[in-house]
Amino acid sequence: MPPRRSESDRLLDYGDTTFDPLGKHWVDDEQPLISAPNALAWLRLLQACEMDVLPPPEVVASISEWRIPSQKLEEIPPHFLRAVWKSAVAAQYEWLPLAEFVRREVLPVSEWLFGSGAHIDADPALFKSAWSALLRRATALAEQKSRPAGCAAPMSQDEWNPYIRRVEWRQYEFLALTTAAQLKEEGTAMNHCVGDYDEKCRSGIARIYSVCERMSGKHVATYSLQLVTYGSGGYVWEHGQVKGSRNSDISPDPLTAVDAVLRSYLELPFSRFQIPEPLAWDESAYLIPI
């Protein structure tokens, strides 16, 4: 394996082109006291990303619009810059105008990341999932902010009814996974098989949530609820499983938080739920091993 390139190596390779796209907002020869820390932070970010070339200039130029707290480059999580960088390169391969990609995807995701505080001590796994997963989080937050209080979000044709799309309890956020693609993304990010349970969700016997810490955005668990029968033809929602990455056990706090989601389900009238045909039920189907 070749040795990791140092900050000075990169500067020798690219010279001023390393900083030019940042613009005077970050690096200005006339303001050395401000520019020097930003220049050093930028070199460290590039080194941490472990890419052999410089990021696209359009991406770098957009950083001034990322609403970074205190306007300090050191606040950028390296894994986020790498995720933006790789997604921009993929957009170039698809002949998408980078300026459009930045406007429609990078800026909304950065606004979600820094505006919500999710960048603070963010789990690198958050940025290793597909770019579309980050964009989905940003879009969901933007839609929630734009809707009047009490107005439900519209459903797309390929999603099942989430019943309750989002729940916040203390430091945790539960986001409903409502399509097969979202389950696949969750399974990839958490290294378990929740991606195989779209049919259980579509049939109405399960609902699954991605669990994150509200402030840091750290992805801590996947939570499932299941609809089970009791007596003669009665139904009730119960906890399924709460699992961390690779089906690991999690700390007590999130286990307590899931009660808030279950209570929310139990408080809804049963007319809101999709009840599957009783003859299609099999006791083994109630258990949802993530």
Protein backbone atom coordinates (compact mmCIF):
# COMPACT_ATOMS: atom_id res chain seq x y z
CA MET A 1 0.00 0.00 0.00
CA PRO A 2 1.48 3.39 -0.94
CA PRO A 3 2.18 5.80 1.93
CA ARG A 4 -0.55 8.28 2.74
CA ARG A 5 0.10 11.65 1.15
CA SER A 6 0.80 14.52 3.54
CA GLU A 7 -0.68 17.99 3.45
CA SER A 8 2.60 19.41 2.12
CA ASP A 9 2.69 16.78 -0.66
CA ARG A 10 -0.75 17.83 -1.85
CA LEU A 11 0.20 21.50 -1.76
CA LEU A 12 3.33 20.78 -3.82
CA ASP A 13 1.26 18.85 -6.37
CA TYR A 14 -1.48 21.40 -6.93
CA GLY A 15 -0.20 24.71 -5.58
CA ASP A 16 -2.70 27.57 -5.61
CA THR A 17 -5.30 25.42 -7.39
CA THR A 18 -5.79 23.70 -4.02
CA PHE A 19 -7.34 26.89 -2.62
CA ASP A 20 -8.55 28.93 -5.61
CA PRO A 21 -12.09 27.43 -5.76
CA LEU A 22 -12.63 28.30 -2.09
CA GLY A 23 -12.46 31.98 -2.98
CA LYS A 24 -11.70 34.91 -0.69
CA HIS A 25 -14.57 33.90 1.57
CA TRP A 26 -12.18 31.34 3.10
CA VAL A 27 -8.65 32.07 1.93
CA ASP A 28 -7.66 35.69 1.31
CA ASP A 29 -4.03 36.78 1.17
CA GLU A 30 -5.03 40.11 2.65
CA GLN A 31 -6.40 38.45 5.81
CA PRO A 32 -3.66 36.02 6.89
CA LEU A 33 -4.93 35.61 10.46
CA ILE A 34 -8.25 34.24 9.16
CA SER A 35 -6.92 32.54 6.05
CA ALA A 36 -4.13 30.48 7.63
CA PRO A 37 -6.42 28.35 9.89
CA ASN A 38 -8.87 27.85 7.01
CA ALA A 39 -6.09 26.84 4.62
CA LEU A 40 -4.73 24.32 7.11
CA ALA A 41 -8.23 22.96 7.84
CA TRP A 42 -8.85 22.57 4.10
CA LEU A 43 -5.62 20.62 3.57
CA ARG A 44 -6.50 18.34 6.48
CA LEU A 45 -9.98 17.76 5.06
CA LEU A 46 -8.54 16.82 1.68
CA GLN A 47 -6.07 14.47 3.31
CA ALA A 48 -8.79 12.81 5.40
CA CYS A 49 -10.90 12.19 2.28
CA GLU A 50 -8.06 10.09 0.81
CA MET A 51 -8.82 10.98 -2.81
CA ASP A 52 -6.07 11.26 -5.41
CA VAL A 53 -7.39 14.39 -7.13
CA LEU A 54 -8.95 17.66 -6.06
CA PRO A 55 -12.74 17.90 -5.68
CA PRO A 56 -14.73 19.53 -8.51
CA PRO A 57 -14.38 23.34 -8.31
CA GLU A 58 -18.17 23.75 -8.40
CA VAL A 59 -18.48 21.72 -5.21
CA VAL A 60 -15.70 23.62 -3.45
CA ALA A 61 -17.13 27.00 -4.46
CA SER A 62 -20.50 26.01 -2.98
CA ILE A 63 -19.05 25.47 0.51
CA SER A 64 -19.56 29.15 1.28
CA GLU A 65 -23.32 28.45 0.99
CA TRP A 66 -23.34 25.39 3.29
CA ARG A 67 -24.29 27.47 6.37
CA ILE A 68 -21.39 26.04 8.34
CA PRO A 69 -21.53 27.15 12.00
CA SER A 70 -19.06 29.93 12.80
CA GLN A 71 -17.95 29.75 9.17
CA LYS A 72 -15.11 27.38 10.05
CA LEU A 73 -14.00 24.76 7.56
CA GLU A 74 -12.94 22.53 10.44
CA GLU A 75 -16.65 22.02 11.24
CA ILE A 76 -17.09 19.96 8.03
CA PRO A 77 -17.08 16.19 8.75
CA PRO A 78 -14.53 14.67 6.33
CA HIS A 79 -16.89 11.79 5.55
CA PHE A 80 -19.52 14.30 4.43
CA LEU A 81 -17.12 16.10 2.11
CA ARG A 82 -16.11 12.74 0.68
CA ALA A 83 -19.76 11.76 0.15
CA VAL A 84 -20.48 15.04 -1.67
CA TRP A 85 -17.28 14.68 -3.69
CA LYS A 86 -18.01 11.12 -4.85
CA SER A 87 -21.62 11.95 -5.66
CA ALA A 88 -20.53 14.96 -7.73
CA VAL A 89 -18.11 12.78 -9.69
CA ALA A 90 -20.92 10.27 -10.29
CA ALA A 91 -23.12 13.12 -11.55
CA GLN A 92 -20.35 14.14 -13.96
CA TYR A 93 -20.20 10.61 -15.34
CA GLU A 94 -23.93 10.85 -16.02
CA TRP A 95 -23.39 14.16 -17.84
CA LEU A 96 -25.38 16.10 -15.27
CA PRO A 97 -24.46 19.81 -14.97
CA LEU A 98 -22.59 20.15 -11.69
CA ALA A 99 -24.06 23.57 -11.00
CA GLU A 100 -27.53 22.00 -11.11
CA PHE A 101 -26.44 19.07 -8.94
CA VAL A 102 -25.05 21.46 -6.35
CA ARG A 103 -28.19 23.60 -6.34
CA ARG A 104 -30.73 20.76 -6.19
CA GLU A 105 -28.91 18.25 -3.99
CA VAL A 106 -25.73 19.46 -2.27
CA LEU A 107 -27.17 22.68 -0.82
CA PRO A 108 -30.34 21.05 0.61
CA VAL A 109 -28.34 18.22 2.18
CA SER A 110 -25.79 20.62 3.67
CA GLU A 111 -28.61 22.77 5.05
CA TRP A 112 -30.09 19.71 6.75
CA LEU A 113 -26.71 18.56 8.08
CA PHE A 114 -25.52 21.84 9.56
CA GLY A 115 -28.92 23.38 10.27
CA SER A 116 -30.07 20.41 12.35
CA GLY A 117 -26.76 19.97 14.16
CA ALA A 118 -26.37 16.49 12.67
CA HIS A 119 -22.75 17.27 11.82
CA ILE A 120 -21.76 17.31 15.50
CA ASP A 121 -19.95 14.06 16.34
CA ALA A 122 -21.71 12.49 13.35
CA ASP A 123 -21.28 8.74 12.93
CA PRO A 124 -19.25 8.06 9.73
CA ALA A 125 -21.78 5.32 8.90
CA LEU A 126 -24.31 8.10 8.29
CA PHE A 127 -22.33 9.15 5.22
CA LYS A 128 -21.45 5.67 3.99
CA SER A 129 -25.03 4.93 3.00
CA ALA A 130 -26.22 5.91 -0.45
CA TRP A 131 -26.26 9.63 -1.29
CA SER A 132 -29.99 9.25 -1.94
CA ALA A 133 -30.46 8.41 1.76
CA LEU A 134 -28.94 11.74 2.81
CA LEU A 135 -31.01 13.55 0.20
CA ARG A 136 -34.14 11.82 1.49
CA ARG A 137 -33.46 13.05 5.03
CA ALA A 138 -32.96 16.59 3.78
CA THR A 139 -36.10 16.45 1.65
CA ALA A 140 -38.21 15.08 4.51
CA LEU A 141 -37.09 17.88 6.82
CA ALA A 142 -37.73 20.54 4.17
CA GLU A 143 -41.21 19.16 3.46
CA GLN A 144 -42.03 19.05 7.16
CA LYS A 145 -41.01 22.69 7.60
CA SER A 146 -43.05 23.79 4.58
CA ARG A 147 -46.29 22.04 5.60
CA PRO A 148 -48.86 23.76 7.79
CA ALA A 149 -49.25 22.25 11.25
CA GLY A 150 -51.40 19.12 11.15
CA CYS A 151 -51.11 18.71 7.37
CA ALA A 152 -50.12 15.15 6.41
CA ALA A 153 -47.40 14.50 3.84
CA PRO A 154 -48.61 13.16 0.47
CA MET A 155 -47.73 9.57 -0.39
CA SER A 156 -45.93 8.52 -3.55
CA GLN A 157 -47.22 5.62 -5.65
CA ASP A 158 -44.48 3.19 -4.59
CA GLU A 159 -44.73 3.66 -0.82
CA TRP A 160 -46.91 2.06 1.80
CA ASN A 161 -48.82 4.11 4.36
CA PRO A 162 -46.39 5.02 7.16
CA TYR A 163 -49.28 5.78 9.57
CA ILE A 164 -46.86 7.93 11.56
CA ARG A 165 -44.05 9.28 9.43
CA ARG A 166 -41.81 10.74 12.13
CA VAL A 167 -41.58 10.61 15.92
CA GLU A 168 -39.27 12.58 18.20
CA TRP A 169 -38.69 11.55 21.79
CA ARG A 170 -36.05 13.24 23.90
CA GLN A 171 -32.75 12.91 22.04
CA TYR A 172 -34.01 10.43 19.41
CA GLU A 173 -35.71 10.71 16.05
CA PHE A 174 -37.64 7.87 14.41
CA LEU A 175 -38.11 8.17 10.64
CA ALA A 176 -40.53 5.77 8.94
CA LEU A 177 -39.12 3.69 6.08
CA THR A 178 -41.90 3.58 3.51
CA THR A 179 -40.46 2.03 0.34
CA ALA A 180 -38.46 -1.06 -0.61
CA ALA A 181 -35.58 1.21 -1.65
CA GLN A 182 -35.47 2.85 1.78
CA LEU A 183 -35.40 -0.56 3.49
CA LYS A 184 -32.49 -1.59 1.25
CA GLU A 185 -30.61 1.59 2.14
CA GLU A 186 -31.22 0.96 5.85
CA GLY A 187 -30.05 -2.63 5.56
CA THR A 188 -26.88 -1.54 3.76
CA ALA A 189 -26.13 1.21 6.27
CA MET A 190 -26.74 -1.03 9.30
CA ASN A 191 -25.44 -4.32 7.87
CA HIS A 192 -28.55 -6.39 8.53
CA CYS A 193 -31.39 -7.91 6.50
CA VAL A 194 -34.19 -5.38 7.04
CA GLY A 195 -34.11 -4.75 3.29
CA ASP A 196 -35.89 -8.08 2.75
CA TYR A 197 -39.05 -7.06 4.64
CA ASP A 198 -40.82 -4.87 2.12
CA GLU A 199 -43.60 -7.44 1.61
CA LYS A 200 -44.35 -7.55 5.35
CA CYS A 201 -44.59 -3.75 5.33
CA ARG A 202 -46.66 -3.67 2.15
CA SER A 203 -49.11 -6.25 3.52
CA GLY A 204 -49.69 -4.20 6.68
CA ILE A 205 -48.20 -6.52 9.30
CA ALA A 206 -45.04 -4.48 9.93
CA ARG A 207 -43.75 -0.93 10.10
CA ILE A 208 -40.05 -0.13 10.35
CA TYR A 209 -38.22 2.99 11.52
CA SER A 210 -34.68 4.26 11.26
CA VAL A 211 -33.51 5.54 14.66
CA CYS A 212 -31.03 8.43 14.93
CA GLU A 213 -29.79 10.81 17.58
CA ARG A 214 -31.45 14.16 16.88
CA MET A 215 -28.47 16.41 17.48
CA SER A 216 -25.60 14.39 16.04
CA GLY A 217 -27.50 12.52 13.33
CA LYS A 218 -25.80 9.33 14.52
CA HIS A 219 -27.61 6.28 13.17
CA VAL A 220 -28.12 4.08 16.24
CA ALA A 221 -30.72 1.43 15.42
CA THR A 222 -33.51 0.02 13.30
CA TYR A 223 -36.87 -0.48 15.01
CA SER A 224 -39.79 -2.65 13.90
CA LEU A 225 -43.40 -2.85 15.04
CA GLN A 226 -45.62 -5.81 14.23
CA LEU A 227 -49.37 -6.29 14.04
CA VAL A 228 -50.41 -9.44 15.87
CA THR A 229 -53.71 -11.19 16.50
CA TYR A 230 -55.30 -11.88 19.85
CA GLY A 231 -58.50 -13.64 20.84
CA SER A 232 -60.81 -14.26 17.89
CA GLY A 233 -60.00 -11.80 15.16
CA GLY A 234 -58.60 -8.99 17.28
CA TYR A 235 -55.40 -7.13 16.44
CA VAL A 236 -52.83 -5.16 18.38
CA TRP A 237 -49.52 -3.48 17.61
CA GLU A 238 -46.49 -4.73 19.55
CA HIS A 239 -42.75 -4.13 19.59
CA GLY A 240 -40.79 -6.14 17.07
CA GLN A 241 -37.05 -5.68 17.38
CA VAL A 242 -34.58 -2.88 18.03
CA LYS A 243 -31.16 -3.67 16.60
CA GLY A 244 -27.95 -1.76 16.00
CA SER A 245 -25.38 -2.30 13.27
CA ARG A 246 -24.86 -5.99 12.41
CA ASN A 247 -27.81 -6.91 14.65
CA SER A 248 -25.93 -5.73 17.73
CA ASP A 249 -27.70 -4.96 21.00
CA ILE A 250 -28.10 -1.29 21.84
CA SER A 251 -28.01 0.82 24.99
CA PRO A 252 -31.10 1.13 27.25
CA ASP A 253 -31.94 4.70 26.18
CA PRO A 254 -33.17 3.88 22.64
CA LEU A 255 -34.98 0.84 24.02
CA THR A 256 -36.95 3.17 26.26
CA ALA A 257 -37.53 5.62 23.43
CA VAL A 258 -39.28 3.04 21.22
CA ASP A 259 -42.16 3.01 23.71
CA ALA A 260 -43.03 6.50 22.46
CA VAL A 261 -43.52 5.13 18.94
CA LEU A 262 -45.64 2.22 20.10
CA ARG A 263 -47.77 4.53 22.24
CA SER A 264 -48.34 6.72 19.18
CA TYR A 265 -49.63 3.69 17.27
CA LEU A 266 -51.87 2.56 20.13
CA GLU A 267 -53.42 6.03 20.36
CA LEU A 268 -54.55 5.97 16.70
CA PRO A 269 -58.02 4.58 15.86
CA PHE A 270 -57.75 1.14 14.31
CA SER A 271 -59.66 2.35 11.27
CA ARG A 272 -56.42 4.04 10.20
CA PHE A 273 -54.59 0.73 9.79
CA GLN A 274 -54.51 -1.77 6.95
CA ILE A 275 -55.78 -5.11 8.28
CA PRO A 276 -54.56 -8.14 6.30
CA GLU A 277 -56.76 -11.12 5.48
CA PRO A 278 -56.90 -13.45 8.54
CA LEU A 279 -56.50 -16.56 6.39
CA ALA A 280 -53.15 -15.31 5.16
CA TRP A 281 -51.71 -15.20 8.65
CA ASP A 282 -49.04 -17.55 9.88
CA GLU A 283 -47.76 -17.29 13.46
CA SER A 284 -44.14 -17.25 12.20
CA ALA A 285 -44.93 -14.19 10.11
CA TYR A 286 -45.46 -12.10 13.24
CA LEU A 287 -41.80 -12.31 14.18
CA ILE A 288 -39.62 -10.00 12.15
CA PRO A 289 -35.97 -10.95 12.55
CA ILE A 290 -34.00 -7.96 11.39
